[in-house]
N, C-alpha and C. Protein backbone atom coordinates (compact mmCIF):
# COMPACT_ATOMS: atom_id res chain seq x y z
N UNK A 1 -10.52 -20.05 42.82
CA UNK A 1 -9.61 -20.88 40.96
C UNK A 1 -11.00 -20.78 40.23
N UNK A 2 -11.03 -20.41 39.26
CA UNK A 2 -11.82 -20.20 37.46
C UNK A 2 -12.31 -22.02 37.50
N UNK A 3 -13.73 -22.05 37.00
CA UNK A 3 -13.81 -23.12 36.68
C UNK A 3 -13.87 -23.09 35.58
N UNK A 4 -13.26 -24.21 35.52
CA UNK A 4 -12.71 -24.25 33.29
C UNK A 4 -14.08 -24.53 32.68
N UNK A 5 -15.08 -24.57 32.81
CA UNK A 5 -16.22 -24.67 32.40
C UNK A 5 -16.70 -22.80 31.88
N UNK A 6 -16.32 -21.99 32.74
CA UNK A 6 -16.34 -20.83 32.56
C UNK A 6 -17.18 -19.71 31.17
N UNK A 7 -17.94 -19.42 31.19
CA UNK A 7 -17.79 -18.21 29.55
C UNK A 7 -17.43 -17.20 29.95
N UNK A 8 -16.34 -16.66 28.61
CA UNK A 8 -15.32 -15.74 28.01
C UNK A 8 -16.85 -15.43 26.96
N UNK A 9 -15.97 -13.59 26.52
CA UNK A 9 -16.58 -13.29 25.29
C UNK A 9 -15.95 -14.08 24.39
N UNK A 10 -16.28 -14.56 22.96
CA UNK A 10 -15.66 -15.09 22.13
C UNK A 10 -14.98 -14.30 21.26
N UNK A 11 -13.17 -14.17 22.10
CA UNK A 11 -12.49 -13.18 20.79
C UNK A 11 -12.14 -13.71 19.54
N UNK A 12 -12.96 -14.77 19.03
CA UNK A 12 -12.73 -14.96 17.73
C UNK A 12 -13.75 -14.46 17.02
N UNK A 13 -14.94 -14.06 17.14
CA UNK A 13 -15.60 -13.79 17.00
C UNK A 13 -15.76 -12.06 17.07
N UNK A 14 -14.99 -11.43 18.26
CA UNK A 14 -14.81 -9.87 18.34
C UNK A 14 -13.78 -9.86 16.88
N UNK A 15 -12.91 -10.77 16.63
CA UNK A 15 -11.93 -10.43 15.76
C UNK A 15 -12.14 -9.92 14.06
N UNK A 16 -13.25 -11.25 13.87
CA UNK A 16 -14.02 -11.10 13.09
C UNK A 16 -14.77 -10.14 12.45
N UNK A 17 -15.79 -9.39 13.51
CA UNK A 17 -17.03 -8.46 13.77
C UNK A 17 -15.77 -7.15 13.01
N UNK A 18 -14.71 -6.80 13.84
CA UNK A 18 -13.51 -6.33 13.91
C UNK A 18 -13.15 -6.23 12.27
N UNK A 19 -12.78 -6.89 12.22
CA UNK A 19 -12.01 -6.79 10.01
C UNK A 19 -13.05 -6.76 8.96
N UNK A 20 -14.48 -6.78 9.92
CA UNK A 20 -15.89 -6.48 8.79
C UNK A 20 -16.32 -4.76 9.03
N UNK A 21 -16.06 -4.69 10.14
CA UNK A 21 -15.83 -3.23 10.33
C UNK A 21 -15.33 -2.24 9.88
N UNK A 22 -13.99 -2.76 9.24
CA UNK A 22 -12.15 -2.40 8.49
C UNK A 22 -13.04 -2.49 6.98
N UNK A 23 -13.14 -3.53 7.21
CA UNK A 23 -13.60 -3.49 5.15
C UNK A 23 -15.39 -3.01 4.50
N UNK A 24 -16.37 -2.62 5.39
CA UNK A 24 -17.21 -1.91 4.99
C UNK A 24 -16.97 -0.68 4.78
N UNK A 25 -15.98 -0.17 4.99
CA UNK A 25 -16.14 1.66 4.23
C UNK A 25 -15.01 1.29 3.29
N UNK A 26 -13.97 -0.06 3.22
CA UNK A 26 -13.67 1.00 1.87
C UNK A 26 -14.15 -0.13 0.73
N UNK A 27 -15.19 -1.25 1.01
CA UNK A 27 -16.45 -1.52 0.52
C UNK A 27 -17.14 -0.29 -0.77
N UNK A 28 -18.01 0.18 0.12
CA UNK A 28 -18.73 1.44 0.43
C UNK A 28 -17.78 2.87 -0.64
N UNK A 29 -16.58 2.68 0.05
CA UNK A 29 -16.02 4.14 -1.34
C UNK A 29 -15.79 3.88 -2.59
N UNK A 30 -15.02 2.16 -2.64
CA UNK A 30 -14.90 1.41 -4.09
C UNK A 30 -16.25 1.81 -4.96
N UNK A 31 -17.35 1.56 -4.31
CA UNK A 31 -18.31 1.36 -4.32
C UNK A 31 -19.16 2.88 -5.25
N UNK A 32 -19.59 3.65 -4.31
CA UNK A 32 -20.01 5.01 -4.45
C UNK A 32 -18.67 5.42 -5.85
N UNK A 33 -17.16 5.83 -5.16
CA UNK A 33 -16.51 5.90 -6.87
C UNK A 33 -17.10 5.53 -7.41
N UNK A 34 -16.80 4.23 -8.35
CA UNK A 34 -17.59 3.96 -9.43
C UNK A 34 -19.06 3.67 -9.94
N UNK A 35 -19.77 4.38 -8.71
CA UNK A 35 -21.06 4.79 -9.20
C UNK A 35 -21.27 6.09 -9.26
N UNK A 36 -19.78 7.19 -8.88
CA UNK A 36 -19.92 8.36 -9.49
C UNK A 36 -18.82 8.54 -10.71
N UNK A 37 -18.61 7.64 -10.94
CA UNK A 37 -17.90 7.95 -12.70
C UNK A 37 -18.71 6.87 -13.05
N UNK A 38 -19.90 6.50 -13.58
CA UNK A 38 -20.56 5.77 -14.24
C UNK A 38 -22.14 7.21 -14.66
N UNK A 39 -22.26 7.08 -12.63
CA UNK A 39 -22.89 8.38 -13.20
C UNK A 39 -22.47 10.06 -14.03
N UNK A 40 -21.50 10.20 -14.14
CA UNK A 40 -20.67 11.21 -15.07
C UNK A 40 -20.17 10.26 -16.25
N UNK A 41 -20.04 9.74 -16.13
CA UNK A 41 -20.76 8.73 -18.24
C UNK A 41 -22.26 9.07 -18.13
N UNK A 42 -22.85 8.90 -17.82
CA UNK A 42 -23.90 8.78 -18.52
C UNK A 42 -25.09 10.11 -18.55
N UNK A 43 -23.91 11.17 -17.89
CA UNK A 43 -24.95 12.58 -17.99
C UNK A 43 -23.64 13.12 -18.94
N UNK A 44 -23.16 12.86 -19.96
CA UNK A 44 -22.30 13.18 -20.72
C UNK A 44 -20.78 13.63 -20.37
N UNK A 45 -19.88 12.93 -20.10
CA UNK A 45 -19.13 13.91 -18.92
C UNK A 45 -17.40 13.75 -20.26
N UNK A 46 -17.99 12.47 -21.10
CA UNK A 46 -16.70 11.91 -22.20
C UNK A 46 -17.62 11.40 -22.84
N UNK A 47 -17.62 11.93 -24.53
CA UNK A 47 -18.32 11.37 -25.54
C UNK A 47 -17.56 11.40 -26.61
N UNK A 48 -17.55 9.66 -26.74
CA UNK A 48 -16.31 9.51 -28.49
C UNK A 48 -16.56 8.18 -27.96
N UNK A 49 -15.70 7.05 -29.25
CA UNK A 49 -15.74 6.24 -29.50
C UNK A 49 -14.84 5.24 -28.68
N UNK A 50 -14.12 5.97 -27.93
CA UNK A 50 -12.86 5.81 -27.05
C UNK A 50 -13.73 5.66 -25.35
N UNK A 51 -14.87 6.42 -25.18
CA UNK A 51 -15.23 6.74 -24.00
C UNK A 51 -16.52 5.85 -24.28
N UNK A 52 -17.14 5.33 -25.34
CA UNK A 52 -18.17 3.97 -25.45
C UNK A 52 -16.88 3.00 -24.44
N UNK A 53 -15.36 2.64 -25.16
CA UNK A 53 -15.34 0.80 -24.73
C UNK A 53 -14.90 1.72 -23.17
N UNK A 54 -14.33 2.63 -22.57
CA UNK A 54 -14.10 2.89 -21.82
C UNK A 54 -15.68 2.33 -20.60
N UNK A 55 -16.37 2.71 -21.25
CA UNK A 55 -17.75 3.05 -20.09
C UNK A 55 -18.07 1.37 -20.07
N UNK A 56 -18.20 0.82 -21.10
CA UNK A 56 -18.37 -0.75 -21.17
C UNK A 56 -17.81 -1.63 -19.82
N UNK A 57 -16.78 -1.01 -20.32
CA UNK A 57 -14.91 -1.73 -19.46
C UNK A 57 -15.74 -1.22 -17.22
N UNK A 58 -15.90 0.17 -17.77
CA UNK A 58 -16.11 0.45 -16.09
C UNK A 58 -17.41 -0.42 -15.60
N UNK A 59 -18.39 -0.30 -16.05
CA UNK A 59 -19.94 -0.91 -15.81
C UNK A 59 -19.45 -2.37 -15.58
N UNK A 60 -18.02 -2.80 -16.18
CA UNK A 60 -18.48 -5.07 -15.92
C UNK A 60 -17.61 -4.16 -14.66
N UNK A 61 -16.87 -3.68 -14.11
CA UNK A 61 -15.76 -3.75 -13.55
C UNK A 61 -16.24 -3.06 -12.01
N UNK A 62 -17.55 -2.43 -12.27
CA UNK A 62 -18.42 -2.19 -10.75
C UNK A 62 -19.35 -3.00 -11.27
N UNK A 63 -19.46 -3.72 -11.76
CA UNK A 63 -19.93 -5.29 -11.67
C UNK A 63 -19.97 -6.53 -10.47
N UNK A 64 -18.57 -6.29 -11.38
CA UNK A 64 -17.50 -7.27 -9.92
C UNK A 64 -16.85 -6.63 -9.22
N UNK A 65 -17.27 -5.61 -8.63
CA UNK A 65 -16.71 -5.06 -7.20
C UNK A 65 -17.73 -5.39 -6.71
N UNK A 66 -19.30 -5.27 -6.88
CA UNK A 66 -20.62 -4.90 -6.29
C UNK A 66 -20.48 -6.74 -6.19
N UNK A 67 -20.19 -7.86 -7.06
CA UNK A 67 -20.56 -9.14 -6.48
C UNK A 67 -19.34 -9.07 -5.53
N UNK A 68 -18.36 -8.91 -5.63
CA UNK A 68 -16.69 -9.52 -4.37
C UNK A 68 -17.09 -8.14 -3.42
N UNK A 69 -17.74 -7.54 -3.30
CA UNK A 69 -18.00 -6.63 -2.01
C UNK A 69 -19.31 -7.13 -1.28
N UNK A 70 -19.84 -7.34 -2.49
CA UNK A 70 -21.48 -8.34 -1.54
C UNK A 70 -20.79 -9.88 -1.14
N UNK A 71 -20.08 -10.75 -1.87
CA UNK A 71 -19.40 -11.56 -1.64
C UNK A 71 -19.19 -11.85 -0.02
N UNK A 72 -18.08 -10.49 -0.06
CA UNK A 72 -17.03 -10.82 0.77
C UNK A 72 -17.80 -10.15 2.50
N UNK A 73 -18.64 -9.63 2.48
CA UNK A 73 -19.23 -9.38 3.62
C UNK A 73 -19.84 -10.04 3.93
N UNK A 74 -20.87 -10.88 2.91
CA UNK A 74 -21.46 -12.39 2.88
C UNK A 74 -20.36 -13.45 3.64
N UNK A 75 -19.08 -13.36 3.52
CA UNK A 75 -18.61 -14.11 4.11
C UNK A 75 -18.23 -14.17 5.85
N UNK A 76 -18.23 -12.69 5.50
CA UNK A 76 -17.93 -12.23 6.95
C UNK A 76 -19.37 -12.62 7.92
N UNK A 77 -20.31 -12.00 6.99
CA UNK A 77 -22.07 -12.64 8.24
C UNK A 77 -22.46 -13.57 8.78
N UNK A 78 -21.35 -15.08 7.45
CA UNK A 78 -22.03 -15.86 7.96
C UNK A 78 -20.72 -16.84 9.25
N UNK A 79 -19.13 -16.17 8.79
CA UNK A 79 -18.63 -16.72 9.93
C UNK A 79 -18.96 -15.65 11.51
N UNK A 80 -19.62 -14.53 11.43
CA UNK A 80 -20.13 -14.12 12.45
C UNK A 80 -21.42 -14.97 12.97
N UNK A 81 -22.52 -15.40 12.46
CA UNK A 81 -23.23 -16.10 12.49
C UNK A 81 -23.06 -17.43 12.50
N UNK A 82 -21.82 -17.81 12.32
CA UNK A 82 -21.92 -19.51 12.80
C UNK A 82 -20.85 -19.57 13.90
N UNK A 83 -20.57 -18.04 14.64
CA UNK A 83 -20.13 -18.27 16.08
C UNK A 83 -20.75 -17.79 17.32
N UNK A 84 -20.65 -18.57 19.10
CA UNK A 84 -21.18 -17.73 19.96
C UNK A 84 -20.90 -16.87 20.27
N UNK A 85 -21.90 -16.08 20.97
CA UNK A 85 -21.31 -14.89 21.63
C UNK A 85 -20.10 -15.37 22.64
N UNK A 86 -20.50 -16.46 23.57
CA UNK A 86 -19.26 -16.24 24.59
C UNK A 86 -19.02 -17.70 24.69
N UNK A 87 -17.75 -18.23 24.70
CA UNK A 87 -17.27 -19.63 24.15
C UNK A 87 -16.56 -20.09 26.43
N UNK A 88 -16.67 -21.22 25.99
CA UNK A 88 -15.44 -22.06 27.33
C UNK A 88 -14.54 -21.48 27.27
N UNK A 89 -13.33 -21.35 28.69
CA UNK A 89 -12.33 -20.42 28.50
C UNK A 89 -11.16 -21.27 27.90
N UNK A 90 -11.29 -23.03 27.64
CA UNK A 90 -10.42 -23.39 26.93
C UNK A 90 -11.16 -23.83 25.50
N UNK A 91 -12.00 -23.53 25.49
CA UNK A 91 -12.66 -23.46 23.41
C UNK A 91 -11.07 -23.33 22.20
N UNK A 92 -11.73 -23.37 21.82
CA UNK A 92 -9.78 -23.01 20.58
C UNK A 92 -10.32 -21.58 20.52
N UNK A 93 -11.37 -21.01 20.14
CA UNK A 93 -12.11 -20.07 19.84
C UNK A 93 -10.79 -18.76 20.72
N UNK A 94 -10.31 -19.37 21.86
CA UNK A 94 -9.89 -18.26 22.72
C UNK A 94 -8.47 -18.14 22.42
N UNK A 95 -7.94 -19.46 21.40
CA UNK A 95 -6.43 -19.13 21.31
C UNK A 95 -6.14 -18.97 19.57
N UNK A 96 -7.08 -18.65 19.01
CA UNK A 96 -7.52 -19.55 17.15
C UNK A 96 -5.78 -18.96 16.99
N UNK A 97 -5.29 -17.49 17.22
CA UNK A 97 -4.15 -17.22 16.63
C UNK A 97 -2.89 -17.89 17.03
N UNK A 98 -3.20 -19.09 17.96
CA UNK A 98 -1.74 -19.88 18.01
C UNK A 98 -1.95 -20.93 16.96
N UNK A 99 -3.12 -21.01 16.42
CA UNK A 99 -3.18 -22.76 15.34
C UNK A 99 -2.74 -22.00 14.43
N UNK A 100 -2.09 -23.01 13.83
CA UNK A 100 -1.64 -22.72 12.60
C UNK A 100 -0.59 -23.56 12.19
């Protein structure tokens, strides 16, 4: 019979790491796409008064996305840092999906 205090890998921590790994490339792709669009505009891809307004909005959206992406990754990082690698077999982290 296994000891109740036996430590097991933290499944909650594993889930957070997995979700962070899934989110990272999405955030990077959006950043890259918006950076490319701004770079194209900076190189003169579209020049007009309408383009000036579009460019202003584009740069604003790029900034908002960076802030949101950095915040999301920071939230994952904070959650990861707050979890132990292993937990007792009876810890809430072993049954966190059932806690609602």
